Amino acid sequence: MSDRRAVEGLAGWLAGVLAAAPGDMALYTRALTHGSQGAVNYERLEFLGDRVLGLTLAEWLYERFPGEPEGKLSRRFNALVTGQMCAQVAREIGVSQHLKLGKQARDDGASDSDNVLGDVMEALIGATFLDQGFDAARALVRRLWDSRIDAQESAPKHPKSALQEWAAANNRRAPDYVLVDRSGPGHAPRFRVKAEIGKLAEAHGEGSSKQEAETAAAAALLAVLQK
């Protein structure tokens, strides 16, 4: 009986997220299953969902900003498809409560890991595509990402690019990025990176990937330099 209530609870949650009744529940269950719980997990659906998300956002940005060149559209796109952004969306819709995790992964904090939540969000998009078609998957992405599109008043400049430009404009050497530390379990790693411009200044940043940590470090160093 408890299993039946759990399935009904999941179906009800999905209906709210999808704005439609889910069809093939096995797809969504798989999208919510971490590798620590079994061999049948979200990884293949994540692969598919990542492509659906990318195509949907690329089409949307092309339509929404008709006067912008490719470079600005790319900056908008890159800011919207990060694992961190996907994880934020996943948290907002309550993905954590429905994750299927092995005990060790749960004890290690996988239910709140940007890596895991971001991957699962993409897997849910993939499951929606297979279950209900591209139009439904596109509608889901547009609904969940709508406020994030609106929040971009102008095409965001990537912090590493902005830092590079600051160094060039001020006749300074190019920024260097040094990996300071890597910690955490395999499914939820944490990276700490130092960004520096010679002996002028330095700052640290953290993230769930080296690239994310470098971006955070670049943003922190820019804040120091622009005071």
Protein backbone atom coordinates (compact mmCIF):
# COMPACT_ATOMS: atom_id res chain seq x y z
CA MET A 1 0.00 0.00 0.00
CA SER A 2 2.82 2.37 0.84
CA ASP A 3 4.41 1.63 -2.55
CA ARG A 4 1.13 2.47 -4.24
CA ARG A 5 0.87 5.76 -2.34
CA ALA A 6 4.47 6.57 -3.31
CA VAL A 7 3.69 5.98 -7.00
CA GLU A 8 0.54 8.07 -6.75
CA GLY A 9 2.49 10.82 -4.99
CA LEU A 10 5.13 10.81 -7.70
CA ALA A 11 2.48 10.88 -10.44
CA GLY A 12 0.75 13.82 -8.76
CA TRP A 13 4.02 15.75 -8.43
CA LEU A 14 4.88 15.06 -12.07
CA ALA A 15 1.45 16.18 -13.24
CA GLY A 16 2.07 19.51 -11.51
CA VAL A 17 5.54 19.90 -12.99
CA LEU A 18 4.54 18.82 -16.51
CA ALA A 19 1.14 20.54 -16.49
CA ALA A 20 -0.14 17.23 -17.88
CA ALA A 21 -0.61 13.67 -16.66
CA PRO A 22 2.56 11.57 -17.09
CA GLY A 23 2.19 8.55 -19.36
CA ASP A 24 5.10 6.12 -19.00
CA MET A 25 5.94 6.33 -15.30
CA ALA A 26 8.93 4.02 -15.78
CA LEU A 27 10.68 6.76 -17.76
CA TYR A 28 10.30 9.32 -15.00
CA THR A 29 11.28 6.83 -12.31
CA ARG A 30 14.44 6.11 -14.28
CA ALA A 31 15.11 9.85 -14.65
CA LEU A 32 15.03 10.18 -10.87
CA THR A 33 17.24 7.15 -10.15
CA HIS A 34 20.91 7.74 -9.32
CA GLY A 35 23.62 5.27 -10.33
CA SER A 36 24.13 4.37 -6.67
CA GLN A 37 20.62 2.87 -6.66
CA GLY A 38 20.95 0.64 -9.70
CA ALA A 39 22.29 0.05 -13.20
CA VAL A 40 19.07 1.42 -14.70
CA ASN A 41 19.53 5.11 -13.91
CA TYR A 42 19.22 8.59 -15.33
CA GLU A 43 22.43 8.79 -17.36
CA ARG A 44 21.05 7.96 -20.82
CA LEU A 45 18.03 10.20 -20.30
CA GLU A 46 20.34 12.98 -19.15
CA PHE A 47 22.25 12.69 -22.43
CA LEU A 48 19.02 13.08 -24.37
CA GLY A 49 17.58 15.82 -22.18
CA ASP A 50 20.73 17.90 -22.47
CA ARG A 51 20.23 18.05 -26.25
CA VAL A 52 16.52 18.86 -25.97
CA LEU A 53 17.29 21.64 -23.49
CA GLY A 54 20.00 23.05 -25.74
CA LEU A 55 17.86 23.06 -28.87
CA THR A 56 14.89 24.58 -27.03
CA LEU A 57 16.91 27.41 -25.53
CA ALA A 58 18.80 28.09 -28.77
CA GLU A 59 15.52 28.37 -30.69
CA TRP A 60 13.98 30.53 -27.95
CA LEU A 61 16.91 32.95 -27.77
CA TYR A 62 17.04 33.24 -31.57
CA GLU A 63 13.35 34.16 -31.53
CA ARG A 64 13.44 36.38 -28.43
CA PHE A 65 16.45 38.52 -29.39
CA PRO A 66 16.21 38.95 -33.18
CA GLY A 67 18.72 41.81 -33.34
CA GLU A 68 21.55 40.17 -31.42
CA PRO A 69 24.66 38.70 -33.06
CA GLU A 70 25.82 35.13 -32.49
CA GLY A 71 28.35 36.08 -29.81
CA LYS A 72 25.75 37.66 -27.52
CA LEU A 73 23.29 34.82 -28.09
CA SER A 74 26.03 32.35 -27.17
CA ARG A 75 26.73 34.17 -23.91
CA ARG A 76 23.06 34.10 -23.01
CA PHE A 77 22.84 30.41 -23.94
CA ASN A 78 25.93 29.41 -21.95
CA ALA A 79 24.58 31.10 -18.82
CA LEU A 80 21.26 29.27 -19.11
CA VAL A 81 22.46 25.69 -19.62
CA THR A 82 25.01 25.35 -16.81
CA GLY A 83 24.71 22.48 -14.39
CA GLN A 84 24.25 25.02 -11.62
CA MET A 85 21.31 26.62 -13.44
CA CYS A 86 19.70 23.21 -14.05
CA ALA A 87 20.19 22.40 -10.36
CA GLN A 88 18.48 25.65 -9.35
CA VAL A 89 15.46 24.72 -11.47
CA ALA A 90 15.45 21.21 -9.98
CA ARG A 91 15.40 22.63 -6.44
CA GLU A 92 12.54 24.97 -7.28
CA ILE A 93 10.29 22.15 -8.48
CA GLY A 94 11.15 19.82 -5.60
CA VAL A 95 13.26 17.17 -7.33
CA SER A 96 15.23 16.31 -4.17
CA GLN A 97 12.23 14.74 -2.43
CA HIS A 98 11.76 12.25 -5.28
CA LEU A 99 15.34 11.15 -5.92
CA LYS A 100 16.17 7.46 -5.66
CA LEU A 101 19.62 7.24 -4.08
CA GLY A 102 21.76 4.55 -2.50
CA LYS A 103 22.42 4.99 1.22
CA GLN A 104 26.02 6.09 0.81
CA ALA A 105 25.14 8.65 -1.85
CA ARG A 106 22.37 10.04 0.33
CA ASP A 107 24.69 10.20 3.34
CA ASP A 108 27.23 12.03 1.18
CA GLY A 109 24.69 14.73 0.35
CA ALA A 110 23.84 13.74 -3.22
CA SER A 111 20.25 14.91 -2.77
CA ASP A 112 21.49 18.51 -2.72
CA SER A 113 24.44 18.15 -5.10
CA ASP A 114 24.47 20.54 -8.06
CA ASN A 115 25.94 17.76 -10.19
CA VAL A 116 23.20 15.28 -9.34
CA LEU A 117 20.28 17.72 -9.42
CA GLY A 118 21.45 19.27 -12.67
CA ASP A 119 21.79 15.87 -14.31
CA VAL A 120 18.37 14.75 -13.06
CA MET A 121 16.73 17.92 -14.36
CA GLU A 122 18.10 17.15 -17.82
CA ALA A 123 16.98 13.52 -17.46
CA LEU A 124 13.43 14.65 -16.65
CA ILE A 125 13.43 16.77 -19.81
CA GLY A 126 14.60 13.70 -21.74
CA ALA A 127 11.87 11.57 -20.19
CA THR A 128 9.24 14.17 -21.09
CA PHE A 129 10.50 14.19 -24.68
CA LEU A 130 10.16 10.40 -24.96
CA ASP A 131 6.84 10.26 -23.13
CA GLN A 132 5.02 13.26 -24.58
CA GLY A 133 7.02 14.51 -27.55
CA PHE A 134 9.16 17.52 -28.35
CA ASP A 135 6.39 20.11 -28.08
CA ALA A 136 5.67 19.08 -24.50
CA ALA A 137 9.36 19.01 -23.58
CA ARG A 138 9.85 22.45 -25.15
CA ALA A 139 6.85 23.82 -23.25
CA LEU A 140 8.29 22.43 -20.01
CA VAL A 141 11.65 24.12 -20.56
CA ARG A 142 10.05 27.41 -21.52
CA ARG A 143 7.86 27.38 -18.44
CA LEU A 144 10.69 26.51 -16.04
CA TRP A 145 13.31 28.81 -17.61
CA ASP A 146 10.99 31.75 -18.39
CA SER A 147 11.97 33.94 -15.45
CA ARG A 148 15.64 33.28 -16.18
CA ILE A 149 15.31 34.53 -19.75
CA ASP A 150 13.59 37.66 -18.44
CA ALA A 151 16.33 38.20 -15.86
CA GLN A 152 18.92 38.68 -18.62
CA GLU A 153 18.58 42.40 -19.34
CA SER A 154 21.67 42.18 -21.52
CA ALA A 155 23.84 39.35 -22.75
CA PRO A 156 25.94 38.35 -19.73
CA LYS A 157 29.69 38.44 -20.15
CA HIS A 158 31.43 35.35 -18.83
CA PRO A 159 33.57 36.30 -15.78
CA LYS A 160 36.69 34.69 -17.28
CA SER A 161 36.27 36.70 -20.48
CA ALA A 162 35.64 39.87 -18.50
CA LEU A 163 38.74 39.27 -16.38
CA GLN A 164 40.83 38.64 -19.50
CA GLU A 165 39.59 41.90 -20.99
CA TRP A 166 40.34 43.81 -17.78
CA ALA A 167 43.91 42.50 -17.76
CA ALA A 168 44.46 43.47 -21.39
CA ALA A 169 42.94 46.94 -20.93
CA ASN A 170 45.18 47.57 -17.93
CA ASN A 171 48.36 46.22 -19.52
CA ARG A 172 48.55 43.30 -17.12
CA ARG A 173 49.51 39.71 -17.76
CA ALA A 174 46.74 37.22 -18.55
CA PRO A 175 45.00 35.63 -15.55
CA ASP A 176 46.25 32.28 -14.25
CA TYR A 177 44.03 29.62 -12.66
CA VAL A 178 45.44 27.18 -10.14
CA LEU A 179 43.58 24.19 -8.73
CA VAL A 180 44.01 24.48 -4.96
CA ASP A 181 41.89 21.60 -3.71
CA ARG A 182 39.55 18.83 -4.77
CA SER A 183 37.32 17.17 -2.20
CA GLY A 184 34.07 15.28 -1.82
CA PRO A 185 32.84 11.93 -3.19
CA GLY A 186 32.86 11.09 -6.88
CA HIS A 187 29.21 11.98 -7.44
CA ALA A 188 29.49 15.32 -5.63
CA PRO A 189 33.02 16.69 -5.97
CA ARG A 190 34.05 20.17 -4.83
CA PHE A 191 36.83 22.13 -6.49
CA ARG A 192 38.67 25.17 -5.15
CA VAL A 193 40.57 27.33 -7.62
CA LYS A 194 42.77 30.40 -7.24
CA ALA A 195 42.66 33.09 -9.93
CA GLU A 196 45.56 35.52 -10.03
CA ILE A 197 47.06 38.23 -12.19
CA GLY A 198 50.78 38.11 -11.48
CA LYS A 199 51.43 39.53 -8.02
CA LEU A 200 48.77 42.21 -8.41
CA ALA A 201 45.84 40.35 -6.85
CA GLU A 202 44.29 36.94 -6.32
CA ALA A 203 40.96 35.44 -5.31
CA HIS A 204 39.48 32.01 -4.75
CA GLY A 205 36.34 30.33 -6.00
CA GLU A 206 34.58 27.02 -5.44
CA GLY A 207 32.30 24.87 -7.56
CA SER A 208 31.13 21.36 -8.38
CA SER A 209 33.45 21.30 -11.41
CA LYS A 210 36.83 22.82 -12.15
CA GLN A 211 35.28 25.08 -14.77
CA GLU A 212 32.64 26.28 -12.32
CA ALA A 213 35.30 26.98 -9.68
CA GLU A 214 37.41 28.93 -12.20
CA THR A 215 34.36 31.01 -13.12
CA ALA A 216 33.67 31.77 -9.45
CA ALA A 217 37.32 32.68 -8.86
CA ALA A 218 37.33 35.00 -11.88
CA ALA A 219 34.18 36.74 -10.65
CA ALA A 220 35.70 37.14 -7.18
CA LEU A 221 38.93 38.57 -8.59
CA LEU A 222 37.03 41.02 -10.78
CA ALA A 223 35.16 42.22 -7.70
CA VAL A 224 38.50 42.87 -5.97
CA LEU A 225 40.00 44.68 -8.95
CA GLN A 226 36.96 46.87 -9.58
CA LYS A 227 36.59 48.17 -6.03
